Amino acid sequence: TEVAATYVVSNTNPTGWFGNEMHSGLFIIPDDGDPEGKFLYDPSGTYMNREMGSGRALYGPDVSPEEYLKYQLLDGPNVTIRKYATTPEEEAEIIKRSDDIGGGGFFDCTTNVTRAINGVGPFAEIQETMWPTKLDRQLRQSKRAVGEAHDLESLRQLLSK
């Protein structure tokens, strides 16, 4: 079975509004290295790319995990990217769900990410939540991640594995 990777981003920096509830997103990078297969989902987010669709999704070679992490780190250092081994079928399901869900409203980022991943492959036990810290805790406790990154250097290492 061909295995690629799905990455879930947890930004739990203090916001001043809701404690440590900043943002969640995800991206998919195929193992075959095909840049056309890259996918980024930033529901309710403010990450801007000229190709970003109305559903807050970006496809293809313009997906840059490094740029997305840099943008999230503007809020502070509490950003974790966890890598999960997923099959092409699981990734297709996550992408389909993301497309069906769309961009969402002002505080829907984590709700939409959990709706896109819950019950799929390594995310079988992830429950829907609107809180980035609760999703982050679920992901940490599931122990299904095959690696994680907190800065650009560790992300580059994670992407190269």
N, C-alpha and C. Protein backbone atom coordinates (compact mmCIF):
# COMPACT_ATOMS: atom_id res chain seq x y z
N THR A 1 0.84 -1.19 0.00
CA THR A 1 0.00 0.00 0.00
C THR A 1 0.87 1.24 0.00
N GLU A 2 0.61 2.13 -0.93
CA GLU A 2 1.33 3.40 -0.97
C GLU A 2 0.88 4.26 0.21
N VAL A 3 1.84 4.82 0.90
CA VAL A 3 1.52 5.67 2.05
C VAL A 3 2.10 7.05 1.82
N ALA A 4 1.32 8.04 2.06
CA ALA A 4 1.78 9.42 1.97
C ALA A 4 1.62 10.03 3.35
N ALA A 5 1.40 11.33 3.44
CA ALA A 5 1.33 11.94 4.76
C ALA A 5 0.32 13.07 4.81
N THR A 6 -0.40 13.09 5.92
CA THR A 6 -1.29 14.19 6.26
C THR A 6 -0.71 14.86 7.48
N TYR A 7 -0.66 16.18 7.47
CA TYR A 7 -0.09 16.96 8.55
C TYR A 7 -1.19 17.84 9.16
N VAL A 8 -1.32 17.80 10.48
CA VAL A 8 -2.30 18.64 11.16
C VAL A 8 -1.55 19.71 11.93
N VAL A 9 -1.96 20.96 11.76
CA VAL A 9 -1.30 22.11 12.37
C VAL A 9 -2.13 22.61 13.55
N SER A 10 -1.48 22.72 14.70
CA SER A 10 -2.12 23.26 15.90
C SER A 10 -1.38 24.52 16.33
N ASN A 11 -2.05 25.66 16.25
CA ASN A 11 -1.50 26.93 16.72
C ASN A 11 -2.22 27.24 18.02
N THR A 12 -1.54 27.04 19.15
CA THR A 12 -2.16 27.23 20.46
C THR A 12 -1.54 28.42 21.20
N ASN A 13 -1.17 29.43 20.45
CA ASN A 13 -0.63 30.64 21.06
C ASN A 13 -1.75 31.43 21.75
N PRO A 14 -1.44 32.07 22.86
CA PRO A 14 -2.46 32.89 23.54
C PRO A 14 -2.94 34.01 22.62
N THR A 15 -4.25 34.20 22.56
CA THR A 15 -4.83 35.18 21.66
C THR A 15 -5.30 36.44 22.36
N GLY A 16 -5.52 36.36 23.66
CA GLY A 16 -6.10 37.49 24.37
C GLY A 16 -7.61 37.44 24.35
N TRP A 17 -8.18 36.68 23.41
CA TRP A 17 -9.64 36.54 23.30
C TRP A 17 -10.11 35.27 23.99
N PHE A 18 -9.50 34.16 23.61
CA PHE A 18 -9.96 32.86 24.09
C PHE A 18 -8.83 32.03 24.69
N GLY A 19 -7.91 32.65 25.38
CA GLY A 19 -6.79 31.89 25.94
C GLY A 19 -5.89 31.37 24.86
N ASN A 20 -5.62 30.07 24.88
CA ASN A 20 -4.69 29.46 23.92
C ASN A 20 -5.43 28.85 22.73
N GLU A 21 -6.42 29.53 22.24
CA GLU A 21 -7.26 29.00 21.16
C GLU A 21 -7.05 29.81 19.88
N MET A 22 -5.99 29.53 19.15
CA MET A 22 -5.65 30.35 18.00
C MET A 22 -6.16 29.78 16.67
N HIS A 23 -5.62 28.62 16.22
CA HIS A 23 -5.97 28.17 14.87
C HIS A 23 -5.59 26.70 14.66
N SER A 24 -6.30 26.07 13.73
CA SER A 24 -5.98 24.72 13.26
C SER A 24 -6.07 24.70 11.74
N GLY A 25 -5.25 23.88 11.13
CA GLY A 25 -5.27 23.70 9.68
C GLY A 25 -4.67 22.34 9.36
N LEU A 26 -4.60 22.01 8.08
CA LEU A 26 -3.96 20.75 7.69
C LEU A 26 -3.40 20.88 6.29
N PHE A 27 -2.43 20.02 6.01
CA PHE A 27 -1.95 19.92 4.64
C PHE A 27 -1.57 18.48 4.35
N ILE A 28 -1.56 18.14 3.06
CA ILE A 28 -1.24 16.79 2.59
C ILE A 28 -0.12 16.91 1.58
N ILE A 29 0.90 16.07 1.77
CA ILE A 29 2.03 16.03 0.84
C ILE A 29 2.18 14.59 0.37
N PRO A 30 2.00 14.32 -0.93
CA PRO A 30 2.12 12.94 -1.42
C PRO A 30 3.57 12.47 -1.39
N ASP A 31 3.76 11.19 -1.09
CA ASP A 31 5.11 10.64 -1.04
C ASP A 31 5.79 10.56 -2.40
N ASP A 32 5.01 10.57 -3.47
CA ASP A 32 5.63 10.44 -4.79
C ASP A 32 6.31 11.72 -5.26
N GLY A 33 6.20 12.78 -4.44
CA GLY A 33 6.86 14.03 -4.76
C GLY A 33 6.16 14.87 -5.82
N ASP A 34 5.01 14.42 -6.30
CA ASP A 34 4.27 15.16 -7.31
C ASP A 34 3.72 16.45 -6.70
N PRO A 35 4.24 17.62 -7.12
CA PRO A 35 3.77 18.88 -6.53
C PRO A 35 2.29 19.14 -6.80
N GLU A 36 1.74 18.53 -7.85
CA GLU A 36 0.31 18.72 -8.15
C GLU A 36 -0.58 18.07 -7.10
N GLY A 37 -0.04 17.11 -6.34
CA GLY A 37 -0.82 16.41 -5.33
C GLY A 37 -0.86 17.08 -3.98
N LYS A 38 -0.16 18.21 -3.84
CA LYS A 38 -0.15 18.91 -2.55
C LYS A 38 -1.49 19.57 -2.29
N PHE A 39 -1.86 19.64 -1.00
CA PHE A 39 -3.16 20.21 -0.60
C PHE A 39 -2.99 20.91 0.75
N LEU A 40 -3.56 22.10 0.87
CA LEU A 40 -3.56 22.86 2.13
C LEU A 40 -4.98 23.30 2.41
N TYR A 41 -5.43 23.07 3.65
CA TYR A 41 -6.77 23.47 4.08
C TYR A 41 -6.62 24.39 5.28
N ASP A 42 -7.05 25.64 5.12
CA ASP A 42 -6.92 26.68 6.14
C ASP A 42 -8.30 27.29 6.43
N PRO A 43 -9.22 26.47 6.98
CA PRO A 43 -10.58 26.98 7.18
C PRO A 43 -10.61 28.13 8.18
N SER A 44 -11.40 29.13 7.86
CA SER A 44 -11.55 30.32 8.71
C SER A 44 -10.22 31.02 8.97
N GLY A 45 -9.22 30.70 8.16
CA GLY A 45 -7.89 31.26 8.38
C GLY A 45 -7.66 32.55 7.62
N THR A 46 -6.50 33.13 7.88
CA THR A 46 -6.13 34.38 7.21
C THR A 46 -4.86 34.22 6.39
N TYR A 47 -4.36 32.99 6.26
CA TYR A 47 -3.21 32.74 5.41
C TYR A 47 -3.62 33.07 3.98
N MET A 48 -2.87 33.94 3.35
CA MET A 48 -3.25 34.38 2.01
C MET A 48 -2.26 33.86 0.97
N ASN A 49 -2.83 33.36 -0.07
CA ASN A 49 -2.09 32.95 -1.24
C ASN A 49 -2.96 33.34 -2.42
N ARG A 50 -2.38 33.85 -3.46
CA ARG A 50 -3.18 34.34 -4.58
C ARG A 50 -4.04 33.25 -5.22
N GLU A 51 -3.69 31.98 -4.98
CA GLU A 51 -4.44 30.88 -5.57
C GLU A 51 -5.44 30.25 -4.59
N MET A 52 -5.52 30.77 -3.35
CA MET A 52 -6.38 30.18 -2.33
C MET A 52 -7.84 30.28 -2.77
N GLY A 53 -8.55 29.15 -2.73
CA GLY A 53 -9.95 29.13 -3.15
C GLY A 53 -10.89 29.64 -2.06
N SER A 54 -12.13 29.84 -2.42
CA SER A 54 -13.12 30.36 -1.47
C SER A 54 -13.37 29.38 -0.33
N GLY A 55 -13.09 28.09 -0.54
CA GLY A 55 -13.23 27.09 0.51
C GLY A 55 -12.00 27.03 1.40
N ARG A 56 -11.10 28.02 1.24
CA ARG A 56 -9.87 28.11 2.02
C ARG A 56 -8.95 26.92 1.77
N ALA A 57 -8.99 26.41 0.54
CA ALA A 57 -8.12 25.30 0.15
C ALA A 57 -7.18 25.75 -0.96
N LEU A 58 -6.02 25.17 -0.97
CA LEU A 58 -5.02 25.45 -1.97
C LEU A 58 -4.49 24.11 -2.48
N TYR A 59 -4.36 23.98 -3.78
CA TYR A 59 -3.91 22.75 -4.41
C TYR A 59 -2.67 22.99 -5.24
N GLY A 60 -1.80 22.00 -5.29
CA GLY A 60 -0.70 22.03 -6.23
C GLY A 60 0.60 22.62 -5.73
N PRO A 61 1.46 23.01 -6.66
CA PRO A 61 2.82 23.42 -6.32
C PRO A 61 2.92 24.67 -5.46
N ASP A 62 1.85 25.47 -5.37
CA ASP A 62 1.90 26.67 -4.53
C ASP A 62 1.76 26.35 -3.04
N VAL A 63 1.44 25.10 -2.70
CA VAL A 63 1.36 24.71 -1.30
C VAL A 63 2.78 24.67 -0.73
N SER A 64 3.04 25.50 0.27
CA SER A 64 4.35 25.55 0.90
C SER A 64 4.18 25.35 2.41
N PRO A 65 4.47 24.15 2.90
CA PRO A 65 4.39 23.94 4.34
C PRO A 65 5.26 24.92 5.13
N GLU A 66 6.43 25.25 4.57
CA GLU A 66 7.33 26.17 5.26
C GLU A 66 6.70 27.56 5.39
N GLU A 67 6.10 28.06 4.31
CA GLU A 67 5.47 29.38 4.36
C GLU A 67 4.26 29.38 5.30
N TYR A 68 3.51 28.28 5.30
CA TYR A 68 2.36 28.18 6.19
C TYR A 68 2.81 28.18 7.65
N LEU A 69 3.87 27.45 7.95
CA LEU A 69 4.40 27.45 9.32
C LEU A 69 4.92 28.84 9.69
N LYS A 70 5.67 29.47 8.81
CA LYS A 70 6.15 30.83 9.10
C LYS A 70 5.00 31.75 9.45
N TYR A 71 3.91 31.65 8.70
CA TYR A 71 2.74 32.49 8.94
C TYR A 71 2.14 32.19 10.32
N GLN A 72 2.02 30.92 10.67
CA GLN A 72 1.46 30.56 11.97
C GLN A 72 2.38 31.02 13.11
N LEU A 73 3.67 30.97 12.89
CA LEU A 73 4.63 31.38 13.93
C LEU A 73 4.61 32.88 14.20
N LEU A 74 3.97 33.67 13.33
CA LEU A 74 3.84 35.11 13.60
C LEU A 74 3.05 35.36 14.88
N ASP A 75 2.19 34.40 15.27
CA ASP A 75 1.40 34.53 16.50
C ASP A 75 2.20 34.16 17.75
N GLY A 76 3.33 33.50 17.57
CA GLY A 76 4.13 33.05 18.70
C GLY A 76 4.64 31.64 18.46
N PRO A 77 5.42 31.11 19.41
CA PRO A 77 6.11 29.85 19.20
C PRO A 77 5.28 28.58 19.41
N ASN A 78 4.06 28.69 19.90
CA ASN A 78 3.27 27.50 20.24
C ASN A 78 2.53 26.94 19.02
N VAL A 79 3.30 26.43 18.07
CA VAL A 79 2.75 25.83 16.88
C VAL A 79 3.33 24.42 16.76
N THR A 80 2.47 23.44 16.57
CA THR A 80 2.90 22.06 16.40
C THR A 80 2.32 21.52 15.11
N ILE A 81 3.17 20.90 14.32
CA ILE A 81 2.73 20.21 13.11
C ILE A 81 3.01 18.73 13.34
N ARG A 82 1.95 17.93 13.28
CA ARG A 82 2.09 16.48 13.45
C ARG A 82 1.86 15.79 12.11
N LYS A 83 2.73 14.81 11.84
CA LYS A 83 2.67 14.05 10.59
C LYS A 83 2.01 12.70 10.85
N TYR A 84 1.10 12.31 9.95
CA TYR A 84 0.39 11.04 10.06
C TYR A 84 0.52 10.29 8.75
N ALA A 85 0.78 8.99 8.84
CA ALA A 85 0.83 8.15 7.65
C ALA A 85 -0.60 7.89 7.19
N THR A 86 -0.90 8.28 5.98
CA THR A 86 -2.23 8.10 5.41
C THR A 86 -2.10 7.52 4.00
N THR A 87 -3.09 6.75 3.62
CA THR A 87 -3.11 6.18 2.27
C THR A 87 -3.69 7.21 1.30
N PRO A 88 -3.46 7.02 0.01
CA PRO A 88 -4.08 7.92 -0.97
C PRO A 88 -5.61 7.95 -0.84
N GLU A 89 -6.23 6.82 -0.50
CA GLU A 89 -7.68 6.79 -0.34
C GLU A 89 -8.12 7.63 0.86
N GLU A 90 -7.38 7.54 1.95
CA GLU A 90 -7.69 8.35 3.14
C GLU A 90 -7.51 9.84 2.84
N GLU A 91 -6.46 10.16 2.12
CA GLU A 91 -6.22 11.55 1.75
C GLU A 91 -7.32 12.07 0.84
N ALA A 92 -7.76 11.25 -0.10
CA ALA A 92 -8.84 11.66 -0.98
C ALA A 92 -10.11 11.94 -0.18
N GLU A 93 -10.36 11.13 0.84
CA GLU A 93 -11.53 11.35 1.69
C GLU A 93 -11.41 12.65 2.47
N ILE A 94 -10.23 12.94 3.01
CA ILE A 94 -10.01 14.18 3.75
C ILE A 94 -10.19 15.39 2.82
N ILE A 95 -9.64 15.31 1.62
CA ILE A 95 -9.77 16.41 0.66
C ILE A 95 -11.23 16.60 0.26
N LYS A 96 -11.93 15.49 -0.01
CA LYS A 96 -13.35 15.59 -0.38
C LYS A 96 -14.15 16.25 0.75
N ARG A 97 -13.91 15.80 1.97
CA ARG A 97 -14.63 16.39 3.10
C ARG A 97 -14.30 17.88 3.24
N SER A 98 -13.04 18.22 3.09
CA SER A 98 -12.63 19.63 3.19
C SER A 98 -13.34 20.47 2.15
N ASP A 99 -13.40 19.95 0.92
CA ASP A 99 -14.09 20.66 -0.15
C ASP A 99 -15.58 20.81 0.15
N ASP A 100 -16.18 19.74 0.67
CA ASP A 100 -17.61 19.77 1.01
C ASP A 100 -17.90 20.75 2.15
N ILE A 101 -17.02 20.80 3.13
CA ILE A 101 -17.20 21.67 4.30
C ILE A 101 -16.98 23.13 3.93
N GLY A 102 -15.96 23.40 3.15
CA GLY A 102 -15.65 24.77 2.75
C GLY A 102 -14.90 25.54 3.82
N GLY A 103 -14.87 26.85 3.65
CA GLY A 103 -14.04 27.71 4.50
C GLY A 103 -14.57 27.98 5.88
N GLY A 104 -15.87 28.01 6.04
CA GLY A 104 -16.45 28.23 7.37
C GLY A 104 -16.51 29.69 7.76
N GLY A 105 -17.03 29.89 8.95
CA GLY A 105 -17.17 31.23 9.49
C GLY A 105 -15.97 31.63 10.32
N PHE A 106 -16.16 32.63 11.17
CA PHE A 106 -15.07 33.25 11.91
C PHE A 106 -14.35 32.30 12.86
N PHE A 107 -15.04 31.44 13.58
CA PHE A 107 -14.40 30.55 14.56
C PHE A 107 -14.55 29.08 14.21
N ASP A 108 -14.60 28.74 12.92
CA ASP A 108 -14.85 27.36 12.51
C ASP A 108 -13.61 26.56 12.14
N CYS A 109 -12.42 27.10 12.34
CA CYS A 109 -11.23 26.40 11.84
C CYS A 109 -11.10 25.00 12.42
N THR A 110 -11.13 24.87 13.72
CA THR A 110 -10.92 23.57 14.33
C THR A 110 -12.11 22.65 14.11
N THR A 111 -13.31 23.20 14.18
CA THR A 111 -14.50 22.39 13.89
C THR A 111 -14.38 21.79 12.49
N ASN A 112 -14.00 22.60 11.51
CA ASN A 112 -13.90 22.11 10.14
C ASN A 112 -12.76 21.12 9.96
N VAL A 113 -11.63 21.35 10.60
CA VAL A 113 -10.52 20.40 10.50
C VAL A 113 -10.94 19.06 11.12
N THR A 114 -11.57 19.09 12.29
CA THR A 114 -11.97 17.82 12.91
C THR A 114 -13.03 17.12 12.07
N ARG A 115 -13.93 17.87 11.44
CA ARG A 115 -14.92 17.24 10.57
C ARG A 115 -14.25 16.60 9.34
N ALA A 116 -13.19 17.20 8.88
CA ALA A 116 -12.49 16.67 7.70
C ALA A 116 -11.72 15.39 8.03
N ILE A 117 -11.20 15.26 9.25
CA ILE A 117 -10.34 14.12 9.56
C ILE A 117 -10.98 13.04 10.43
N ASN A 118 -11.99 13.38 11.24
CA ASN A 118 -12.45 12.40 12.23
C ASN A 118 -12.96 11.13 11.56
N GLY A 119 -12.51 9.99 12.11
CA GLY A 119 -12.91 8.69 11.60
C GLY A 119 -12.11 8.19 10.42
N VAL A 120 -11.18 8.96 9.91
CA VAL A 120 -10.38 8.57 8.74
C VAL A 120 -9.01 8.08 9.20
N GLY A 121 -8.66 6.85 8.85
CA GLY A 121 -7.33 6.30 9.10
C GLY A 121 -6.83 6.56 10.51
N PRO A 122 -5.69 7.24 10.63
CA PRO A 122 -5.10 7.47 11.96
C PRO A 122 -5.91 8.42 12.84
N PHE A 123 -6.96 9.00 12.27
CA PHE A 123 -7.79 9.95 13.01
C PHE A 123 -9.10 9.30 13.48
N ALA A 124 -9.11 7.96 13.56
CA ALA A 124 -10.32 7.22 13.89
C ALA A 124 -10.95 7.69 15.20
N GLU A 125 -10.14 8.09 16.16
CA GLU A 125 -10.67 8.44 17.48
C GLU A 125 -10.82 9.94 17.71
N ILE A 126 -10.51 10.74 16.72
CA ILE A 126 -10.59 12.20 16.89
C ILE A 126 -12.06 12.62 16.87
N GLN A 127 -12.45 13.35 17.89
CA GLN A 127 -13.82 13.83 18.01
C GLN A 127 -13.90 15.30 17.59
N GLU A 128 -15.06 15.67 17.07
CA GLU A 128 -15.27 17.06 16.65
C GLU A 128 -15.16 18.00 17.85
N THR A 129 -14.45 19.09 17.65
CA THR A 129 -14.32 20.13 18.66
C THR A 129 -14.09 21.46 17.97
N MET A 130 -14.40 22.54 18.66
CA MET A 130 -14.13 23.87 18.10
C MET A 130 -12.86 24.47 18.71
N TRP A 131 -12.23 23.77 19.64
CA TRP A 131 -11.11 24.31 20.39
C TRP A 131 -9.77 23.75 19.93
N PRO A 132 -8.84 24.59 19.44
CA PRO A 132 -7.52 24.11 19.02
C PRO A 132 -6.78 23.34 20.11
N THR A 133 -6.86 23.77 21.36
CA THR A 133 -6.14 23.04 22.42
C THR A 133 -6.73 21.65 22.65
N LYS A 134 -8.05 21.51 22.50
CA LYS A 134 -8.67 20.20 22.67
C LYS A 134 -8.27 19.27 21.52
N LEU A 135 -8.27 19.79 20.29
CA LEU A 135 -7.81 18.97 19.16
C LEU A 135 -6.35 18.60 19.37
N ASP A 136 -5.53 19.56 19.75
CA ASP A 136 -4.11 19.30 19.99
C ASP A 136 -3.93 18.19 21.03
N ARG A 137 -4.70 18.24 22.10
CA ARG A 137 -4.63 17.22 23.16
C ARG A 137 -5.06 15.85 22.62
N GLN A 138 -6.14 15.81 21.83
CA GLN A 138 -6.58 14.54 21.24
C GLN A 138 -5.50 13.95 20.33
N LEU A 139 -4.90 14.79 19.52
CA LEU A 139 -3.86 14.31 18.62
C LEU A 139 -2.65 13.79 19.39
N ARG A 140 -2.26 14.52 20.42
CA ARG A 140 -1.12 14.10 21.25
C ARG A 140 -1.43 12.77 21.95
N GLN A 141 -2.63 12.64 22.50
CA GLN A 141 -2.99 11.44 23.25
C GLN A 141 -3.21 10.23 22.36
N SER A 142 -3.55 10.44 21.10
CA SER A 142 -3.79 9.30 20.21
C SER A 142 -2.51 8.54 19.90
N LYS A 143 -1.37 9.22 20.01
CA LYS A 143 -0.06 8.61 19.76
C LYS A 143 0.04 7.96 18.37
N ARG A 144 -0.68 8.51 17.41
CA ARG A 144 -0.67 7.96 16.05
C ARG A 144 0.26 8.75 15.11
N ALA A 145 0.76 9.89 15.59
CA ALA A 145 1.65 10.69 14.76
C ALA A 145 2.96 9.94 14.55
N VAL A 146 3.54 10.12 13.36
CA VAL A 146 4.83 9.50 13.06
C VAL A 146 5.96 10.51 13.18
N GLY A 147 5.63 11.72 13.62
CA GLY A 147 6.62 12.76 13.84
C GLY A 147 5.94 14.09 14.06
N GLU A 148 6.71 15.05 14.58
CA GLU A 148 6.16 16.39 14.76
C GLU A 148 7.26 17.43 14.64
N ALA A 149 6.81 18.65 14.35
CA ALA A 149 7.73 19.78 14.17
C ALA A 149 7.17 20.99 14.89
N HIS A 150 8.11 21.88 15.31
CA HIS A 150 7.73 23.10 16.01
C HIS A 150 8.38 24.35 15.41
N ASP A 151 9.31 24.15 14.49
CA ASP A 151 10.02 25.26 13.86
C ASP A 151 10.40 24.85 12.44
N LEU A 152 10.98 25.78 11.70
CA LEU A 152 11.28 25.51 10.29
C LEU A 152 12.26 24.36 10.10
N GLU A 153 13.30 24.32 10.92
CA GLU A 153 14.30 23.25 10.77
C GLU A 153 13.69 21.88 11.03
N SER A 154 12.91 21.75 12.11
CA SER A 154 12.30 20.44 12.40
C SER A 154 11.24 20.10 11.35
N LEU A 155 10.56 21.10 10.78
CA LEU A 155 9.59 20.81 9.71
C LEU A 155 10.31 20.30 8.49
N ARG A 156 11.41 20.91 8.12
CA ARG A 156 12.16 20.44 6.94
C ARG A 156 12.62 18.99 7.14
N GLN A 157 13.07 18.66 8.34
CA GLN A 157 13.47 17.29 8.64
C GLN A 157 12.28 16.35 8.54
N LEU A 158 11.15 16.78 9.08
CA LEU A 158 9.94 15.95 9.05
C LEU A 158 9.47 15.71 7.62
N LEU A 159 9.52 16.74 6.78
CA LEU A 159 9.11 16.60 5.40
C LEU A 159 10.04 15.69 4.60
N SER A 160 11.29 15.60 5.01
CA SER A 160 12.26 14.81 4.26
C SER A 160 12.23 13.32 4.63
N LYS A 161 11.51 12.97 5.68
CA LYS A 161 11.46 11.55 6.13
C LYS A 161 10.46 10.78 5.34
